[in-house]
Amino acid sequence: MATNGILKFTADPSTQASWAAPTRQQSSNMRGMLRSGKVLMGQVLSYPSRQVAKTLAVTGADWIWIDAEHVAWSQKLLVEVIQIINHESGGKMIPVVRVPSKTSFDYMAWCLDAGAGGVIVPHIETVEEVSAAVAACRFPPTGHRSYPPFTYLPGLTDATPEGESIYTLANKSIAIIPQIESRLGIQNIDAIMQMDEVDALMIGGWFNSLQSELKGKLMRNTAGDLRLDMGLPVAFVGSEPEFVAALARAKEMSKKYGKKLVGAALGTAMVEQRLKEGFTVLISSIDLYTMAFGTVTDLQKARSTVEAYFDSSCNK
């Protein structure tokens, strides 16, 4: 818990601006935030909407995951939404994009040029695949990212701290987060996690939960790519030895190499479970779930209130 209003373990919202870029056109320092030692709180933007992006940008999360893998964002709208989040949040909320595929190098360039603080790269299985993403996201000599002429305007949007260039600063700031979703990926997790350019890791097969306030039932959803690859059913319970061993190995490698694990954690019970599993970059809300299940809950409350009101009236 916070003591006297001071947050000891989560990132203090009053310090979020310290991770902002020198100009809004540049990428914020997601790598620095990941290395701060704090538990980070994030949210998901799946609706391809400028207005939803503007609303979420002022809610105070440390970072926001824009999902372009399972949502067909137009390139133009995706770029605009990244810029909206940077500007509306005052650089305090860092947009991170899950690109459509591990070979979506064009999307990686567009998102980073727009000011994204990092990319989540799905279906990573080998060191070579990570290296290809790194090459697309880093300026030379680390990679081969091209100079973005519409982002860095000389003397206007290319300001940097003394001793840094726009290239060195971007290479230090932009986070690369592989997502492992297969047996082969788990086999190679040690080699992947020890790569200097890997800043955090997502594991396919994470599950999340939402508590229905009225019915007292657990609303369950599973993203089971890893489980499917293992030939396991997509289910909330994940007690199969191979699956449990995979999560345990991810936690072990996370501690060994000091790399963060990213996972969804909706509600108190799942936050605690995630922390036990070693996850410290959390997704505490998902726009789709918030809208759908929040609406369901509101409707249930309203119906119950109406029923109770007229029951009470009839009994008078």
Protein backbone atom coordinates (compact mmCIF):
# COMPACT_ATOMS: atom_id res chain seq x y z
CA MET A 1 0.00 0.00 0.00
CA ALA A 2 0.96 3.60 -0.42
CA THR A 3 2.20 5.19 2.79
CA ASN A 4 1.19 8.84 3.32
CA GLY A 5 0.23 8.98 -0.35
CA ILE A 6 3.68 7.83 -1.48
CA LEU A 7 3.74 4.95 -3.96
CA LYS A 8 6.64 2.64 -3.12
CA PHE A 9 6.29 -0.15 -5.64
CA THR A 10 4.29 1.23 -8.56
CA ALA A 11 5.40 4.12 -10.72
CA ASP A 12 4.30 7.44 -9.23
CA PRO A 13 2.07 9.29 -11.73
CA SER A 14 3.73 12.54 -10.69
CA THR A 15 7.01 11.29 -12.18
CA GLN A 16 5.60 10.03 -15.49
CA ALA A 17 6.75 13.16 -17.31
CA SER A 18 10.36 12.24 -16.55
CA TRP A 19 10.12 9.53 -19.22
CA ALA A 20 8.80 11.90 -21.88
CA ALA A 21 10.84 12.68 -24.98
CA PRO A 22 12.39 16.15 -25.53
CA THR A 23 9.68 16.81 -28.14
CA ARG A 24 6.30 15.16 -28.63
CA GLN A 25 7.33 13.87 -32.06
CA GLN A 26 10.04 11.67 -30.55
CA SER A 27 9.62 8.39 -28.68
CA SER A 28 9.35 8.46 -24.90
CA ASN A 29 11.81 6.48 -22.83
CA MET A 30 10.00 3.17 -22.46
CA ARG A 31 13.28 1.35 -21.91
CA GLY A 32 14.06 3.61 -18.98
CA MET A 33 10.62 3.10 -17.49
CA LEU A 34 11.00 -0.68 -17.78
CA ARG A 35 14.35 -0.49 -15.99
CA SER A 36 13.05 1.74 -13.19
CA GLY A 37 12.35 -1.23 -10.93
CA LYS A 38 8.71 -0.22 -10.52
CA VAL A 39 5.62 -2.26 -11.27
CA LEU A 40 4.10 -0.59 -14.32
CA MET A 41 0.38 -0.22 -14.93
CA GLY A 42 -0.93 -0.28 -18.48
CA GLN A 43 -4.07 -0.56 -20.51
CA VAL A 44 -5.07 -1.85 -23.94
CA LEU A 45 -6.44 0.18 -26.84
CA SER A 46 -8.08 -2.11 -29.36
CA TYR A 47 -10.81 0.14 -30.74
CA PRO A 48 -9.47 1.91 -33.85
CA SER A 49 -10.81 5.26 -32.69
CA ARG A 50 -9.27 8.70 -32.22
CA GLN A 51 -11.87 9.58 -29.60
CA VAL A 52 -11.24 6.45 -27.51
CA ALA A 53 -7.51 7.17 -27.72
CA LYS A 54 -8.06 10.75 -26.52
CA THR A 55 -10.14 9.50 -23.59
CA LEU A 56 -7.69 6.81 -22.48
CA ALA A 57 -4.70 9.13 -22.87
CA VAL A 58 -5.76 11.22 -19.86
CA THR A 59 -6.51 8.34 -17.48
CA GLY A 60 -3.04 8.16 -15.93
CA ALA A 61 -1.69 4.73 -16.93
CA ASP A 62 2.07 4.43 -17.36
CA TRP A 63 1.78 2.90 -20.80
CA ILE A 64 -0.82 1.80 -23.32
CA TRP A 65 -0.68 -1.22 -25.62
CA ILE A 66 -2.20 -0.56 -29.04
CA ASP A 67 -3.14 -3.90 -30.57
CA ALA A 68 -2.54 -3.93 -34.33
CA GLU A 69 -2.24 -7.71 -34.54
CA HIS A 70 -5.88 -8.63 -34.01
CA VAL A 71 -7.42 -5.31 -35.04
CA ALA A 72 -7.23 -4.08 -38.63
CA TRP A 73 -5.96 -0.56 -38.04
CA SER A 74 -5.33 1.54 -41.10
CA GLN A 75 -1.75 2.77 -41.15
CA LYS A 76 -2.90 6.40 -41.16
CA LEU A 77 -5.19 5.99 -38.15
CA LEU A 78 -2.58 4.01 -36.23
CA VAL A 79 -0.02 6.77 -36.71
CA GLU A 80 -2.55 9.45 -35.70
CA VAL A 81 -3.57 7.59 -32.54
CA ILE A 82 0.05 7.25 -31.40
CA GLN A 83 0.46 11.00 -31.84
CA ILE A 84 -2.84 11.69 -30.07
CA ILE A 85 -1.77 9.68 -27.02
CA ASN A 86 1.60 11.44 -26.84
CA HIS A 87 0.04 14.88 -27.12
CA GLU A 88 -3.11 14.38 -25.02
CA SER A 89 -1.17 12.77 -22.18
CA GLY A 90 1.54 15.43 -22.32
CA GLY A 91 4.07 12.68 -22.92
CA LYS A 92 3.13 10.96 -19.66
CA MET A 93 1.56 7.82 -21.15
CA ILE A 94 3.80 5.81 -23.46
CA PRO A 95 2.18 4.12 -26.47
CA VAL A 96 3.53 0.67 -27.35
CA VAL A 97 2.26 -1.09 -30.47
CA ARG A 98 1.82 -4.81 -31.00
CA VAL A 99 2.56 -4.96 -34.70
CA PRO A 100 0.63 -7.31 -37.03
CA SER A 101 3.44 -9.89 -37.33
CA LYS A 102 7.09 -10.50 -36.56
CA THR A 103 7.98 -9.45 -40.11
CA SER A 104 5.89 -6.25 -40.13
CA PHE A 105 9.01 -4.12 -40.47
CA ASP A 106 7.09 -1.37 -42.26
CA TYR A 107 4.67 -1.07 -39.33
CA MET A 108 7.58 -0.94 -36.91
CA ALA A 109 9.04 2.03 -38.81
CA TRP A 110 5.72 3.85 -39.10
CA CYS A 111 4.91 3.41 -35.40
CA LEU A 112 8.33 4.49 -34.16
CA ASP A 113 8.43 7.44 -36.56
CA ALA A 114 5.05 8.48 -35.12
CA GLY A 115 6.47 8.43 -31.57
CA ALA A 116 5.67 4.98 -30.18
CA GLY A 117 7.86 4.08 -27.23
CA GLY A 118 8.24 0.48 -28.29
CA VAL A 119 6.89 -2.49 -30.17
CA ILE A 120 5.53 -5.86 -29.10
CA VAL A 121 6.55 -8.45 -31.70
CA PRO A 122 4.21 -11.49 -31.81
CA HIS A 123 5.03 -15.14 -32.46
CA ILE A 124 8.76 -14.86 -31.78
CA GLU A 125 10.53 -18.22 -31.71
CA THR A 126 14.24 -17.61 -32.37
CA VAL A 127 17.09 -15.22 -31.70
CA GLU A 128 17.30 -14.56 -35.42
CA GLU A 129 13.71 -13.29 -35.48
CA VAL A 130 14.42 -10.93 -32.60
CA SER A 131 17.55 -9.71 -34.36
CA ALA A 132 15.53 -8.89 -37.47
CA ALA A 133 13.10 -6.80 -35.41
CA VAL A 134 15.99 -5.07 -33.64
CA ALA A 135 17.56 -4.18 -36.97
CA ALA A 136 14.29 -2.59 -38.11
CA CYS A 137 13.84 -0.59 -34.89
CA ARG A 138 17.37 0.68 -34.22
CA PHE A 139 19.35 3.32 -36.03
CA PRO A 140 22.87 2.45 -37.20
CA PRO A 141 25.23 1.11 -36.09
CA THR A 142 22.91 -1.20 -34.09
CA GLY A 143 20.31 -1.56 -36.85
CA HIS A 144 19.25 -0.13 -40.17
CA ARG A 145 16.27 2.06 -39.27
CA SER A 146 16.02 4.92 -41.75
CA TYR A 147 16.12 8.60 -40.86
CA PRO A 148 12.48 9.80 -40.57
CA PRO A 149 12.44 13.18 -42.37
CA PHE A 150 8.83 13.94 -41.40
CA THR A 151 9.51 13.42 -37.70
CA TYR A 152 12.86 15.06 -37.06
CA LEU A 153 12.70 18.63 -38.37
CA PRO A 154 16.10 20.31 -37.87
CA GLY A 155 15.94 22.89 -35.10
CA LEU A 156 12.25 22.25 -34.41
CA THR A 157 11.56 18.66 -33.34
CA ASP A 158 15.05 17.16 -33.07
CA ALA A 159 16.03 18.57 -29.67
CA THR A 160 18.12 16.21 -27.53
CA PRO A 161 19.98 16.40 -24.21
CA GLU A 162 23.62 17.42 -24.37
CA GLY A 163 25.81 14.59 -25.59
CA GLU A 164 22.97 12.77 -27.35
CA SER A 165 21.81 12.71 -30.95
CA ILE A 166 18.33 11.83 -32.15
CA TYR A 167 19.78 8.46 -33.15
CA THR A 168 21.48 7.57 -29.87
CA LEU A 169 18.52 8.81 -27.85
CA ALA A 170 16.01 6.77 -29.86
CA ASN A 171 18.18 3.65 -29.58
CA LYS A 172 18.32 4.11 -25.80
CA SER A 173 14.60 4.83 -25.42
CA ILE A 174 12.64 2.46 -27.66
CA ALA A 175 11.68 -0.87 -26.10
CA ILE A 176 11.53 -4.16 -27.99
CA ILE A 177 9.21 -6.74 -26.43
CA PRO A 178 9.07 -10.20 -28.04
CA GLN A 179 5.95 -12.30 -27.52
CA ILE A 180 6.62 -16.02 -27.17
CA GLU A 181 3.66 -18.21 -28.10
CA SER A 182 5.03 -21.64 -28.98
CA ARG A 183 7.04 -24.59 -27.70
CA LEU A 184 9.98 -23.58 -29.88
CA GLY A 185 9.91 -20.10 -28.41
CA ILE A 186 9.97 -21.54 -24.88
CA GLN A 187 12.89 -23.78 -25.87
CA ASN A 188 14.80 -20.68 -26.98
CA ILE A 189 13.68 -18.39 -24.17
CA ASP A 190 17.08 -18.42 -22.44
CA ALA A 191 18.88 -17.23 -25.57
CA ILE A 192 16.17 -14.66 -26.32
CA MET A 193 16.04 -13.20 -22.82
CA GLN A 194 19.79 -12.68 -22.61
CA MET A 195 19.83 -10.48 -25.71
CA ASP A 196 20.77 -6.92 -24.75
CA GLU A 197 18.12 -5.43 -27.03
CA VAL A 198 15.26 -7.38 -25.42
CA ASP A 199 13.68 -5.21 -22.73
CA ALA A 200 10.70 -7.33 -21.63
CA LEU A 201 8.81 -10.44 -22.68
CA MET A 202 5.21 -11.45 -23.21
CA ILE A 203 4.20 -15.09 -22.90
CA GLY A 204 1.35 -16.41 -25.06
CA GLY A 205 -1.23 -18.31 -23.04
CA TRP A 206 -1.72 -15.74 -20.32
CA PHE A 207 -5.20 -15.64 -18.92
CA ASN A 208 -7.16 -12.86 -17.36
CA SER A 209 -10.33 -12.54 -15.37
CA LEU A 210 -13.06 -10.10 -14.61
CA GLN A 211 -15.30 -10.33 -11.59
CA SER A 212 -19.01 -9.90 -12.20
CA GLU A 213 -20.11 -7.70 -9.33
CA LEU A 214 -23.74 -8.78 -9.33
CA LYS A 215 -23.64 -12.46 -10.08
CA GLY A 216 -20.44 -13.20 -8.18
CA LYS A 217 -19.21 -15.26 -11.08
CA LEU A 218 -15.80 -15.19 -12.67
CA MET A 219 -15.94 -13.99 -16.28
CA ARG A 220 -13.11 -15.84 -17.98
CA ASN A 221 -11.14 -15.20 -21.11
CA THR A 222 -8.04 -16.96 -22.29
CA ALA A 223 -5.54 -16.00 -24.95
CA GLY A 224 -4.22 -19.48 -25.46
CA ASP A 225 -1.72 -19.44 -28.32
CA LEU A 226 0.96 -21.15 -26.26
CA ARG A 227 -1.55 -23.67 -24.90
CA LEU A 228 -2.85 -24.37 -28.40
CA ASP A 229 0.68 -24.93 -29.65
CA MET A 230 1.15 -27.42 -26.82
CA GLY A 231 -2.01 -29.27 -27.86
CA LEU A 232 -3.79 -28.15 -24.68
CA PRO A 233 -7.38 -26.90 -24.43
CA VAL A 234 -8.00 -23.17 -24.26
CA ALA A 235 -9.20 -22.95 -20.67
CA PHE A 236 -8.87 -20.82 -17.58
CA VAL A 237 -7.16 -23.58 -15.60
CA GLY A 238 -3.52 -24.04 -16.58
CA SER A 239 -2.27 -26.86 -14.36
CA GLU A 240 -0.80 -29.08 -17.08
CA PRO A 241 2.87 -29.82 -16.30
CA GLU A 242 4.21 -28.56 -19.63
CA PHE A 243 2.31 -25.28 -19.39
CA VAL A 244 3.19 -24.71 -15.73
CA ALA A 245 6.84 -25.49 -16.49
CA ALA A 246 6.82 -22.96 -19.35
CA LEU A 247 5.57 -20.16 -17.08
CA ALA A 248 8.04 -21.17 -14.37
CA ARG A 249 10.90 -21.04 -16.87
CA ALA A 250 9.82 -17.61 -18.06
CA LYS A 251 9.86 -16.38 -14.46
CA GLU A 252 13.29 -17.94 -13.91
CA MET A 253 14.75 -16.32 -17.03
CA SER A 254 13.17 -13.00 -16.09
CA LYS A 255 14.96 -13.02 -12.74
CA LYS A 256 18.21 -14.32 -14.22
CA TYR A 257 18.51 -11.60 -16.85
CA GLY A 258 16.60 -8.80 -15.14
CA LYS A 259 13.98 -8.57 -17.88
CA LYS A 260 10.34 -7.73 -17.21
CA LEU A 261 7.39 -10.02 -17.91
CA VAL A 262 4.26 -8.43 -19.39
CA GLY A 263 0.79 -9.80 -18.63
CA ALA A 264 -2.87 -8.91 -18.24
CA ALA A 265 -4.17 -8.57 -14.69
CA LEU A 266 -7.80 -7.55 -14.46
CA GLY A 267 -9.00 -7.25 -10.90
CA THR A 268 -7.38 -7.70 -7.50
CA ALA A 269 -7.09 -11.49 -7.59
CA MET A 270 -5.34 -11.53 -10.97
CA VAL A 271 -2.97 -8.70 -10.02
CA GLU A 272 -1.84 -10.74 -7.02
CA GLN A 273 -1.56 -13.89 -9.14
CA ARG A 274 0.50 -12.08 -11.75
CA LEU A 275 2.89 -10.72 -9.14
CA LYS A 276 3.37 -14.24 -7.76
CA GLU A 277 4.16 -15.45 -11.28
CA GLY A 278 6.83 -12.75 -11.67
CA PHE A 279 4.92 -10.33 -13.94
CA THR A 280 5.67 -6.68 -13.18
CA VAL A 281 4.43 -4.93 -16.33
CA LEU A 282 0.69 -5.25 -15.94
CA ILE A 283 -2.32 -4.54 -18.10
CA SER A 284 -5.02 -3.45 -15.68
CA SER A 285 -7.76 -2.61 -18.18
CA ILE A 286 -8.79 -3.51 -21.72
CA ASP A 287 -11.08 -1.12 -23.54
CA LEU A 288 -13.17 -3.91 -25.05
CA TYR A 289 -13.74 -5.56 -21.66
CA THR A 290 -14.36 -2.28 -19.87
CA MET A 291 -17.04 -1.32 -22.38
CA ALA A 292 -18.68 -4.74 -22.71
CA PHE A 293 -18.67 -5.97 -19.12
CA GLY A 294 -19.04 -2.50 -17.63
CA THR A 295 -22.19 -2.04 -19.71
CA VAL A 296 -23.50 -5.47 -18.70
CA THR A 297 -22.93 -4.63 -15.04
CA ASP A 298 -24.65 -1.24 -15.34
CA LEU A 299 -27.66 -2.84 -17.03
CA GLN A 300 -27.88 -5.52 -14.34
CA LYS A 301 -27.73 -2.89 -11.60
CA ALA A 302 -30.42 -0.80 -13.28
CA ARG A 303 -32.75 -3.79 -13.77
CA SER A 304 -32.24 -4.92 -10.18
CA THR A 305 -33.00 -1.42 -8.92
CA VAL A 306 -36.21 -1.23 -10.99
CA GLU A 307 -37.34 -4.64 -9.75
CA ALA A 308 -36.58 -3.75 -6.14
CA TYR A 309 -38.34 -0.38 -6.43
CA PHE A 310 -41.61 -1.81 -7.72
CA ASP A 311 -41.46 -4.79 -5.37
CA SER A 312 -41.18 -2.32 -2.51
CA SER A 313 -44.03 -0.20 -3.91
CA CYS A 314 -46.33 -3.18 -4.28
CA ASN A 315 -45.71 -4.26 -0.72
CA LYS A 316 -46.70 -0.91 0.76
